C-alpha cells in the first residue's frame, strides 16, 4: 500500500546530565516518522552545539562524536519533508543566531500561511536560508515587533495558521507548543528530575521516562532552571478539535498512546468494525505489515477466519511512502515485502491494510499474490477512501495523486485488481475514538478545519519562491 507521510519526529529533554545520548535513543524510536534527515542540538547553558545531516539517524550519528554534544538540554528531529525539498539546509533542528542569542527550532506539521508570511518578510528585506515553512517562526521571533514585547514566543506562535507541534530551544531553556486545534501530537514525560518531550509515548518508554500528559492544544510550555511553566498563546475552541486521525490509522507505532488512545487497541477495534461492515467468505486473513497487523487481528477475531502471515517484511527497507521520489517508491515495493506462497496458494485471501493513497503499491502487491497462487483476493481497508488532499502535513497535496478521488468503488476494485473491496466507514472509524468533533478527517470527508490559503505541498514554498522571483524580474526596469 502507498502510505502518506506527514510525520516528523520530535524529541527534547531538559535537566539530564548527558542529553545527547537520550535524544538519540528517543529519536531512534521515532525513526518511522521520518527517514530523510536527522539532527540534534544541545546546550550546556552557555554554548549551543548542533549535528545534523541527510539520511537515517544512525547514518548521521555514525559521523558524530557525542562528546561534541555536551549539555543538559537539547532537542532532536527526524524529518520527512512535507514542505521543502530534501536539502541539507532544510534538515532540522534549524539553528540561528539572533540579536539575543541562539535559537533552535524543530517542527512537525505544515503551516498554511507560511507563503504569505515569507513574502511579507522578504519584501521587507529578510533573507531566508531554507525552503521549509518552519523558518517563518524564526523570522517572527527575530522581528522587533515581537522580540521587544512581553510573551514574545506566544505572540509569534499566534500568527501561525495550520498544523504544528514545535520544540524550541535557547542556551538556557526548552519550549514546547502545539497548535490550537491539536493537529499534531506532543507528549510530556519525566525522567528523574528531567522533563522530556516526544511526538509519541514510545519514545518516552525508550529512554525510561514516565508519561505525564500531552501538551494541550494552544499551550506553550517553558522549562528552565526554575521548573516547568505553562501558558496559552491561544485558547483552543470548545466546539471542536482537529487531531490528525491518520496518526491513529497509520503514523504512530502500535505501542504508543496518542491523543489518549493506545494505537494497537484503536486499530484492533477498527478491524473488528471492518469485519462487521464488510464481511468476506475466505480461508485466511493476511495483514499488510506493519500498520495493518492490528486491524487484521481484529478482523480475524470478529469474522472467525484464521489469521496468517502471507507477507514478510524486509525491515532493512524503509517505509515505501517515505521514499521521497516516485521512482524510489516503485523500486522499493518488491524489496519491502515478500510473499509466503504456501500461506496464500489456492486460498481465498482477505488482505487487510490501513489505507490506500496512490494505489500503485497496493496494485503491485495484489499482482504478487496472484502470481503466488491466491485463488481469490478480498481487500479490506481499515479507514475510509482517501479522496481529498491534505494541507496540514501529509504528503498528498493534490487530488490527482489519490486513487479514490475520481473512482467509485467498482472502478477502484477494477483498478486494484481484487475480487472484492471494502473500506471502513468514517463512522466506524471515528465513533470508538470520540467522534468527528475531535479529529481532522478532511482527507476522507473534505471538511477542512482551517481555511487553506492557496495550495500547499512538499515543495510548495519552493514553487512559491520561484513564482515570486519571476514576478520580481518582470517588474525590474
Protein backbone atom coordinates (compact mmCIF):
# COMPACT_ATOMS: atom_id res chain seq x y z
CA UNK A 1 0.00 0.00 0.00
CA UNK A 2 1.12 3.51 -0.67
CA UNK A 3 1.20 5.41 2.53
CA UNK A 4 1.11 9.11 3.17
CA UNK A 5 3.56 10.68 5.47
CA UNK A 6 3.03 13.75 7.47
CA UNK A 7 5.22 12.77 10.18
CA UNK A 8 8.33 14.21 11.56
CA UNK A 9 9.52 13.08 14.96
CA UNK A 10 10.36 15.46 17.81
CA UNK A 11 12.25 14.70 20.99
CA UNK A 12 13.51 17.09 23.63
CA UNK A 13 14.90 16.93 27.15
CA UNK A 14 15.82 19.38 29.91
CA UNK A 15 17.74 18.52 33.05
CA UNK A 16 19.68 15.40 32.03
CA UNK A 17 23.46 15.47 32.62
CA UNK A 18 24.07 13.81 29.24
CA UNK A 19 21.22 14.91 26.99
CA UNK A 20 22.57 13.85 23.59
CA UNK A 21 22.56 10.05 24.05
CA UNK A 22 19.00 10.21 25.40
CA UNK A 23 17.88 12.34 22.46
CA UNK A 24 19.46 9.80 20.13
CA UNK A 25 17.57 6.94 21.82
CA UNK A 26 14.31 8.85 21.70
CA UNK A 27 14.72 9.74 18.03
CA UNK A 28 15.67 6.16 17.20
CA UNK A 29 12.24 5.01 18.42
CA UNK A 30 10.67 7.73 16.23
CA UNK A 31 12.60 6.83 13.07
CA UNK A 32 9.38 5.51 11.50
CA UNK A 33 8.15 9.11 11.39
CA UNK A 34 10.87 10.34 9.04
CA UNK A 35 13.88 8.95 7.24
CA UNK A 36 15.16 11.81 5.08
CA UNK A 37 17.24 13.60 7.69
CA UNK A 38 18.02 13.85 11.38
CA UNK A 39 19.54 16.36 13.75
CA UNK A 40 20.35 17.01 17.40
CA UNK A 41 21.04 20.35 19.12
CA UNK A 42 22.27 20.58 22.72
CA UNK A 43 23.34 23.25 25.18
CA UNK A 44 25.28 23.30 28.44
CA UNK A 45 23.76 26.65 29.38
CA UNK A 46 26.35 28.80 27.66
CA UNK A 47 27.20 27.09 24.37
CA UNK A 48 24.93 25.50 21.76
CA UNK A 49 26.15 22.60 19.60
CA UNK A 50 24.46 21.02 16.58
CA UNK A 51 24.88 17.89 14.48
CA UNK A 52 22.56 17.06 11.58
CA UNK A 53 22.54 15.57 8.12
CA UNK A 54 20.57 13.77 5.44
CA UNK A 55 19.77 10.10 5.89
CA UNK A 56 18.79 7.85 8.77
CA UNK A 57 19.59 8.76 12.34
CA UNK A 58 22.25 6.07 12.70
CA UNK A 59 23.91 7.25 9.48
CA UNK A 60 24.09 10.79 10.81
CA UNK A 61 25.24 9.56 14.22
CA UNK A 62 27.98 7.46 12.64
CA UNK A 63 29.61 10.72 11.60
CA UNK A 64 29.19 12.22 15.07
CA UNK A 65 31.26 12.27 18.24
CA UNK A 66 28.78 12.66 21.09
CA UNK A 67 31.49 14.38 23.10
CA UNK A 68 30.84 17.32 20.82
CA UNK A 69 27.25 17.46 22.09
CA UNK A 70 27.76 18.11 25.80
CA UNK A 71 24.79 19.63 27.56
CA UNK A 72 21.88 19.10 29.91
CA UNK A 73 19.21 20.24 27.46
CA UNK A 74 18.57 19.64 23.82
CA UNK A 75 16.11 18.87 21.05
CA UNK A 76 16.17 16.46 18.13
CA UNK A 77 14.27 15.87 14.92
CA UNK A 78 13.83 13.12 12.34
CA UNK A 79 12.50 14.52 9.11
CA UNK A 80 10.09 13.65 6.41
CA UNK A 81 9.70 16.72 4.22
CA UNK A 82 6.18 17.96 3.65
CA UNK A 83 7.44 21.40 2.65
CA UNK A 84 10.89 21.97 1.27
CA UNK A 85 12.92 19.52 -0.74
CA UNK A 86 15.47 17.03 0.55
CA UNK A 87 18.20 19.63 1.07
CA UNK A 88 20.71 19.65 3.90
CA UNK A 89 19.75 23.20 4.88
CA UNK A 90 16.15 22.02 5.40
CA UNK A 91 17.17 19.36 7.92
CA UNK A 92 16.09 20.28 11.42
CA UNK A 93 16.50 21.46 14.09
CA UNK A 94 17.04 24.82 12.41
CA UNK A 95 19.71 26.75 14.32
CA UNK A 96 20.13 30.52 14.01
CA UNK A 97 21.79 33.34 15.92
CA UNK A 98 19.53 36.26 16.72
CA UNK A 99 20.49 39.50 18.43
CA UNK A 100 19.64 37.95 21.79
CA UNK A 101 21.41 34.63 21.25
CA UNK A 102 20.97 31.22 19.65
CA UNK A 103 17.59 29.69 18.80
CA UNK A 104 16.91 26.13 17.64
CA UNK A 105 13.56 25.03 16.19
CA UNK A 106 12.12 21.58 15.42
CA UNK A 107 8.70 21.35 13.79
CA UNK A 108 6.15 18.67 12.97
CA UNK A 109 3.27 19.81 10.77
CA UNK A 110 2.51 22.26 7.99
CA UNK A 111 1.77 26.00 8.14
CA UNK A 112 -0.84 27.03 5.60
CA UNK A 113 0.02 30.75 5.85
CA UNK A 114 3.80 30.26 5.56
CA UNK A 115 3.87 31.60 1.99
CA UNK A 116 2.24 34.90 2.93
CA UNK A 117 4.46 35.37 5.97
CA UNK A 118 7.55 34.54 3.94
CA UNK A 119 6.63 37.04 1.23
CA UNK A 120 5.95 39.73 3.84
CA UNK A 121 9.39 39.32 5.40
CA UNK A 122 11.24 39.01 2.11
CA UNK A 123 9.65 42.19 0.80
CA UNK A 124 10.95 43.96 3.93
CA UNK A 125 14.47 42.69 3.29
CA UNK A 126 14.68 39.44 5.26
CA UNK A 127 16.81 36.63 3.87
CA UNK A 128 15.63 33.02 4.16
CA UNK A 129 18.16 30.20 4.33
CA UNK A 130 15.80 27.26 3.74
CA UNK A 131 12.72 26.35 1.72
CA UNK A 132 10.84 24.88 4.69
CA UNK A 133 7.79 26.55 6.21
CA UNK A 134 9.26 26.19 9.71
CA UNK A 135 11.67 29.08 9.12
CA UNK A 136 8.93 31.69 9.24
CA UNK A 137 8.76 31.22 13.02
CA UNK A 138 12.41 32.24 13.30
CA UNK A 139 11.67 35.50 11.48
CA UNK A 140 8.67 36.14 13.71
CA UNK A 141 10.81 35.62 16.81
CA UNK A 142 13.51 37.94 15.47
CA UNK A 143 11.01 40.62 14.45
CA UNK A 144 11.31 43.68 16.77
CA UNK A 145 7.51 43.74 16.93
CA UNK A 146 7.68 40.52 18.93
CA UNK A 147 11.22 40.49 20.31
CA UNK A 148 10.79 43.65 22.38
CA UNK A 149 7.34 42.83 23.79
CA UNK A 150 6.19 40.57 26.63
CA UNK A 151 5.16 37.00 25.80
CA UNK A 152 7.33 37.11 22.70
CA UNK A 153 7.04 33.44 21.73
CA UNK A 154 3.32 33.34 22.41
CA UNK A 155 2.72 36.36 20.21
CA UNK A 156 4.77 34.86 17.39
CA UNK A 157 3.01 31.50 17.57
CA UNK A 158 -0.38 33.21 17.46
CA UNK A 159 0.44 34.42 13.92
CA UNK A 160 0.74 30.88 12.58
CA UNK A 161 -2.10 29.02 10.88
CA UNK A 162 -2.28 25.31 10.26
CA UNK A 163 -0.81 22.29 11.98
CA UNK A 164 2.20 22.35 14.25
CA UNK A 165 3.95 20.92 17.21
CA UNK A 166 7.15 22.84 17.95
CA UNK A 167 10.15 22.30 20.16
CA UNK A 168 12.25 25.43 20.56
CA UNK A 169 15.48 25.88 22.47
CA UNK A 170 17.78 28.65 23.61
CA UNK A 171 21.02 28.33 25.52
CA UNK A 172 19.10 28.02 28.77
CA UNK A 173 15.55 26.86 28.17
CA UNK A 174 13.37 24.44 26.24
CA UNK A 175 9.96 25.41 24.87
CA UNK A 176 7.15 23.19 23.58
CA UNK A 177 3.99 24.30 21.77
CA UNK A 178 1.05 22.76 19.97
CA UNK A 179 -1.40 24.42 17.58
CA UNK A 180 -4.81 25.49 18.94
CA UNK A 181 -6.68 22.64 17.22
CA UNK A 182 -4.18 19.99 18.31
CA UNK A 183 -3.40 18.54 14.87
CA UNK A 184 -0.05 17.04 15.86
CA UNK A 185 0.72 15.04 19.00
CA UNK A 186 3.30 16.06 21.60
CA UNK A 187 3.69 14.35 24.97
CA UNK A 188 5.41 15.34 28.23
CA UNK A 189 7.28 12.87 30.42
CA UNK A 190 9.57 12.75 33.44
CA UNK A 191 12.93 11.03 33.76
CA UNK A 192 14.09 11.59 37.32
CA UNK A 193 14.42 15.37 37.61
CA UNK A 194 14.45 15.83 33.83
CA UNK A 195 11.50 16.88 31.66
CA UNK A 196 11.08 15.02 28.37
CA UNK A 197 9.01 15.86 25.28
CA UNK A 198 8.24 13.48 22.41
CA UNK A 199 5.94 13.09 19.42
CA UNK A 200 4.93 9.63 20.65
CA UNK A 201 4.96 7.95 24.03
CA UNK A 202 7.04 5.06 22.64
CA UNK A 203 9.99 7.47 22.73
CA UNK A 204 9.37 8.20 26.40
CA UNK A 205 9.37 4.49 27.12
CA UNK A 206 12.57 4.06 25.12
CA UNK A 207 14.53 6.35 27.48
CA UNK A 208 12.82 5.14 30.65
CA UNK A 209 10.67 8.23 31.14
CA UNK A 210 7.15 8.13 32.56
CA UNK A 211 4.29 9.76 30.68
CA UNK A 212 2.83 12.79 32.46
CA UNK A 213 0.41 14.33 29.98
CA UNK A 214 0.11 15.79 26.49
CA UNK A 215 0.94 19.36 25.61
CA UNK A 216 -2.54 20.82 25.31
CA UNK A 217 -3.82 22.48 22.12
CA UNK A 218 -2.80 26.13 22.15
CA UNK A 219 -0.43 25.59 25.07
CA UNK A 220 3.08 26.96 25.45
CA UNK A 221 5.27 25.04 27.91
CA UNK A 222 8.60 26.51 29.06
CA UNK A 223 11.19 24.56 31.05
CA UNK A 224 14.17 26.33 32.58
CA UNK A 225 16.18 26.30 35.79
CA UNK A 226 13.09 27.36 37.76
CA UNK A 227 11.00 24.41 36.55
CA UNK A 228 8.13 23.86 34.13
CA UNK A 229 5.74 26.71 33.38
CA UNK A 230 2.56 26.61 31.31
CA UNK A 231 0.80 29.37 29.40
CA UNK A 232 -1.61 29.51 26.47
CA UNK A 233 -0.81 31.51 23.35
CA UNK A 234 -4.29 30.74 22.01
CA UNK A 235 -7.41 29.45 23.66
CA UNK A 236 -8.47 26.25 21.88
CA UNK A 237 -12.04 26.26 20.51
CA UNK A 238 -14.53 24.50 22.73
CA UNK A 239 -16.69 23.12 19.92
CA UNK A 240 -14.11 21.09 18.02
CA UNK A 241 -10.55 19.83 17.70
CA UNK A 242 -8.55 18.68 14.72
CA UNK A 243 -6.34 15.84 15.90
CA UNK A 244 -4.96 14.08 12.82
CA UNK A 245 -6.83 10.80 12.53
CA UNK A 246 -4.02 9.39 10.38
CA UNK A 247 -1.87 9.27 13.49
CA UNK A 248 -4.19 6.54 14.74
CA UNK A 249 -4.70 4.90 11.34
CA UNK A 250 -1.07 4.71 10.27
CA UNK A 251 1.62 7.07 11.52
CA UNK A 252 2.09 6.12 15.16
CA UNK A 253 3.73 2.98 16.45
CA UNK A 254 1.32 0.38 17.91
CA UNK A 255 2.89 0.63 21.38
CA UNK A 256 2.33 4.39 21.58
CA UNK A 257 -0.51 6.29 23.19
CA UNK A 258 -1.56 9.20 21.00
CA UNK A 259 -4.42 11.60 21.73
CA UNK A 260 -5.22 9.48 24.78
CA UNK A 261 -5.62 6.20 22.87
CA UNK A 262 -3.48 3.10 22.63
CA UNK A 263 -2.70 2.73 18.92
CA UNK A 264 -2.91 -1.07 18.85
CA UNK A 265 -6.33 -1.09 20.52
CA UNK A 266 -7.71 1.55 18.14
CA UNK A 267 -6.55 -0.38 15.08
CA UNK A 268 -7.77 -3.68 16.50
CA UNK A 269 -11.24 -2.18 17.06
CA UNK A 270 -11.20 -0.74 13.53
CA UNK A 271 -10.54 -4.25 12.23
CA UNK A 272 -13.49 -5.65 14.14
CA UNK A 273 -15.74 -2.89 12.82
CA UNK A 274 -14.44 -3.54 9.31
CA UNK A 275 -15.37 -7.23 9.56
CA UNK A 276 -18.90 -6.26 10.60
CA UNK A 277 -19.31 -3.73 7.80
CA UNK A 278 -17.65 -5.76 5.03
CA UNK A 279 -17.63 -9.49 5.78
CA UNK A 280 -16.00 -11.90 3.35
CA UNK A 281 -16.10 -15.64 2.72
CA UNK A 282 -12.44 -16.61 2.83
CA UNK A 283 -9.88 -19.09 4.11
CA UNK A 284 -7.27 -16.80 5.60
CA UNK A 285 -6.80 -13.20 6.77
CA UNK A 286 -3.44 -11.71 5.79
CA UNK A 287 -2.24 -8.36 7.17
CA UNK A 288 -0.04 -5.92 5.27
CA UNK A 289 2.73 -5.31 7.81
CA UNK A 290 3.28 -3.45 9.92
CA UNK A 291 0.44 -0.94 10.28
CA UNK A 292 -2.16 -3.46 9.05
CA UNK A 293 -1.32 -6.06 11.71
CA UNK A 294 -3.62 -4.88 14.50
CA UNK A 295 -6.62 -4.32 12.21
CA UNK A 296 -6.12 -7.75 10.64
CA UNK A 297 -6.14 -9.35 14.10
CA UNK A 298 -9.43 -7.60 14.85
CA UNK A 299 -10.90 -8.64 11.51
CA UNK A 300 -9.84 -12.25 12.09
CA UNK A 301 -11.26 -12.49 15.58
CA UNK A 302 -14.54 -10.84 14.63
CA UNK A 303 -15.01 -12.92 11.47
CA UNK A 304 -13.64 -16.22 12.75
CA UNK A 305 -11.35 -16.51 9.72
CA UNK A 306 -7.85 -17.59 10.79
CA UNK A 307 -5.00 -15.10 10.65
CA UNK A 308 -1.71 -15.95 8.97
CA UNK A 309 1.31 -14.06 7.67
CA UNK A 310 1.28 -14.07 3.89
CA UNK A 311 3.58 -11.04 3.66
CA UNK A 312 7.00 -10.93 5.27
CA UNK A 313 8.55 -7.53 5.66
CA UNK A 314 12.17 -6.74 5.00
CA UNK A 315 12.95 -4.47 7.95
CA UNK A 316 16.04 -3.08 6.29
CA UNK A 317 13.86 -1.25 3.79
CA UNK A 318 12.19 1.94 4.98
CA UNK A 319 8.52 2.72 4.63
CA UNK A 320 7.78 2.81 0.92
CA UNK A 321 5.86 6.08 1.06
CA UNK A 322 8.65 7.86 2.93
CA UNK A 323 10.98 7.41 -0.03
CA UNK A 324 10.77 10.95 -1.34
CA UNK A 325 10.67 10.34 -5.09
CA UNK A 326 8.18 8.33 -7.14
CA UNK A 327 10.94 6.23 -8.74
CA UNK A 328 12.21 5.21 -5.31
CA UNK A 329 8.69 4.16 -4.30
CA UNK A 330 8.32 1.91 -7.33
CA UNK A 331 11.75 0.36 -6.84
CA UNK A 332 11.06 -0.27 -3.17
CA UNK A 333 7.77 -2.15 -3.50
CA UNK A 334 9.14 -5.62 -4.27
CA UNK A 335 12.10 -5.18 -1.92
CA UNK A 336 9.96 -4.26 1.06
CA UNK A 337 7.60 -7.26 1.24
CA UNK A 338 7.91 -10.88 0.20
CA UNK A 339 5.05 -13.35 -0.27
CA UNK A 340 4.83 -16.60 1.68
CA UNK A 341 3.45 -18.69 -1.16
CA UNK A 342 2.31 -21.66 0.94
CA UNK A 343 0.05 -19.39 3.01
CA UNK A 344 -1.89 -17.97 0.05
CA UNK A 345 -1.70 -20.66 -2.64
CA UNK A 346 -5.16 -21.91 -3.67
CA UNK A 347 -6.70 -19.85 -0.85
CA UNK A 348 -9.41 -17.24 -0.68
CA UNK A 349 -7.43 -14.43 0.94
CA UNK A 350 -8.64 -11.39 2.86
CA UNK A 351 -5.89 -8.76 2.74
CA UNK A 352 -6.22 -6.14 5.50
CA UNK A 353 -4.41 -2.82 5.13
CA UNK A 354 -4.84 0.50 6.90
CA UNK A 355 -5.27 2.83 3.90
CA UNK A 356 -4.74 3.32 0.18
CA UNK A 357 -3.47 6.62 -1.12
CA UNK A 358 -1.97 6.43 -4.61
CA UNK A 359 -2.77 2.77 -5.18
CA UNK A 360 0.37 1.83 -7.10
CA UNK A 361 1.92 -0.21 -4.29
CA UNK A 362 -1.36 -1.96 -3.49
CA UNK A 363 -1.81 -3.00 -7.13
CA UNK A 364 1.67 -4.49 -7.27
CA UNK A 365 1.12 -6.50 -4.10
CA UNK A 366 -2.15 -7.87 -5.41
CA UNK A 367 -0.30 -8.94 -8.56
CA UNK A 368 2.29 -10.74 -6.42
CA UNK A 369 -0.44 -12.58 -4.53
CA UNK A 370 -1.95 -13.72 -7.85
CA UNK A 371 1.45 -14.86 -9.06
CA UNK A 372 1.82 -16.91 -5.89
CA UNK A 373 -1.46 -18.73 -6.48
CA UNK A 374 -4.08 -16.86 -4.44
CA UNK A 375 -7.47 -18.04 -5.72
CA UNK A 376 -9.48 -15.02 -4.59
CA UNK A 377 -8.35 -11.72 -3.09
CA UNK A 378 -10.69 -9.64 -0.94
CA UNK A 379 -9.12 -6.32 0.03
CA UNK A 380 -10.32 -4.68 3.25
CA UNK A 381 -9.16 -1.23 4.33
CA UNK A 382 -9.48 -0.13 7.97
CA UNK A 383 -10.16 3.52 7.09
CA UNK A 384 -12.41 5.33 4.58
CA UNK A 385 -11.35 6.11 1.00
CA UNK A 386 -8.79 8.92 0.81
CA UNK A 387 -10.48 11.28 -1.63
CA UNK A 388 -9.21 14.73 -0.66
CA UNK A 389 -5.76 16.34 -0.45
CA UNK A 390 -4.17 17.25 2.86
CA UNK A 391 -2.72 20.71 3.52
CA UNK A 392 -1.65 20.11 7.11
CA UNK A 393 1.43 17.97 6.70
CA UNK A 394 0.57 14.76 4.86
CA UNK A 395 2.31 14.41 1.53
CA UNK A 396 -0.65 14.07 -0.81
CA UNK A 397 -1.42 17.69 -1.65
CA UNK A 398 -3.23 17.22 -4.97
CA UNK A 399 -6.38 15.27 -5.81
CA UNK A 400 -4.84 13.73 -8.93
CA UNK A 401 -2.48 11.68 -6.74
CA UNK A 402 -5.32 9.90 -4.94
CA UNK A 403 -6.60 6.59 -6.29
CA UNK A 404 -10.08 7.09 -4.80
CA UNK A 405 -10.54 10.74 -5.77
CA UNK A 406 -12.26 10.14 -9.13
CA UNK A 407 -13.25 6.47 -8.91
CA UNK A 408 -16.31 4.80 -7.44
CA UNK A 409 -15.99 1.50 -5.57
CA UNK A 410 -16.33 -0.68 -8.66
CA UNK A 411 -13.76 1.36 -10.56
CA UNK A 412 -11.43 1.16 -7.59
CA UNK A 413 -11.90 -2.60 -7.35
CA UNK A 414 -11.00 -2.99 -11.02
CA UNK A 415 -8.06 -0.58 -10.69
CA UNK A 416 -6.63 -2.56 -7.77
CA UNK A 417 -7.35 -5.92 -9.36
CA UNK A 418 -9.20 -7.55 -6.44
CA UNK A 419 -12.30 -9.74 -6.28
CA UNK A 420 -13.96 -7.51 -3.69
CA UNK A 421 -13.13 -4.28 -1.92
CA UNK A 422 -14.40 -2.83 1.35
CA UNK A 423 -13.45 0.31 3.27
CA UNK A 424 -14.30 1.06 6.89
CA UNK A 425 -16.90 3.83 7.14
CA UNK A 426 -15.98 7.18 8.68
CA UNK A 427 -18.50 6.48 11.44
CA UNK A 428 -16.93 3.10 12.11
CA UNK A 429 -13.51 4.75 12.39
CA UNK A 430 -14.40 7.80 14.49
CA UNK A 431 -17.10 6.65 16.90
CA UNK A 432 -14.83 4.43 19.03
CA UNK A 433 -12.31 7.28 19.48
CA UNK A 434 -14.62 10.12 20.37
CA UNK A 435 -16.35 11.25 17.20
CA UNK A 436 -15.82 13.69 14.36
CA UNK A 437 -15.57 16.83 16.51
CA UNK A 438 -12.24 15.74 17.97
CA UNK A 439 -10.44 14.85 14.76
CA UNK A 440 -9.36 16.17 11.41
CA UNK A 441 -10.59 13.68 8.82
CA UNK A 442 -10.52 16.08 5.88
CA UNK A 443 -8.63 13.60 3.70
CA UNK A 444 -11.71 11.37 3.93
CA UNK A 445 -14.54 13.91 4.23
CA UNK A 446 -13.28 17.11 2.61
CA UNK A 447 -14.22 19.03 5.78
CA UNK A 448 -11.15 21.19 6.43
CA UNK A 449 -10.93 22.59 9.97
CA UNK A 450 -8.69 25.51 8.90
CA UNK A 451 -9.11 27.67 5.84
CA UNK A 452 -6.39 26.83 3.30
CA UNK A 453 -4.67 29.90 1.90
CA UNK A 454 -3.64 28.62 -1.52
CA UNK A 455 -2.34 25.20 -2.39
CA UNK A 456 0.50 23.67 -0.44
CA UNK A 457 2.64 20.61 -0.73
CA UNK A 458 6.03 19.13 -0.29
CA UNK A 459 7.75 21.80 -2.39
CA UNK A 460 5.10 24.47 -2.11
CA UNK A 461 7.47 27.06 -0.63
CA UNK A 462 9.98 26.42 -3.40
CA UNK A 463 7.30 26.82 -6.07
CA UNK A 464 6.06 29.97 -4.32
CA UNK A 465 9.59 31.39 -4.26
CA UNK A 466 10.13 30.66 -7.96
CA UNK A 467 6.90 32.45 -8.84
CA UNK A 468 7.83 35.41 -6.64
CA UNK A 469 11.26 35.70 -8.29
CA UNK A 470 9.74 35.60 -11.77
CA UNK A 471 7.23 38.30 -10.87
CA UNK A 472 10.00 40.49 -9.48
CA UNK A 473 12.09 40.03 -12.64
CA UNK A 474 9.16 41.16 -14.76
CA UNK A 475 8.89 44.42 -12.80
CA UNK A 476 12.61 45.27 -12.95
CA UNK A 477 13.44 48.24 -15.24
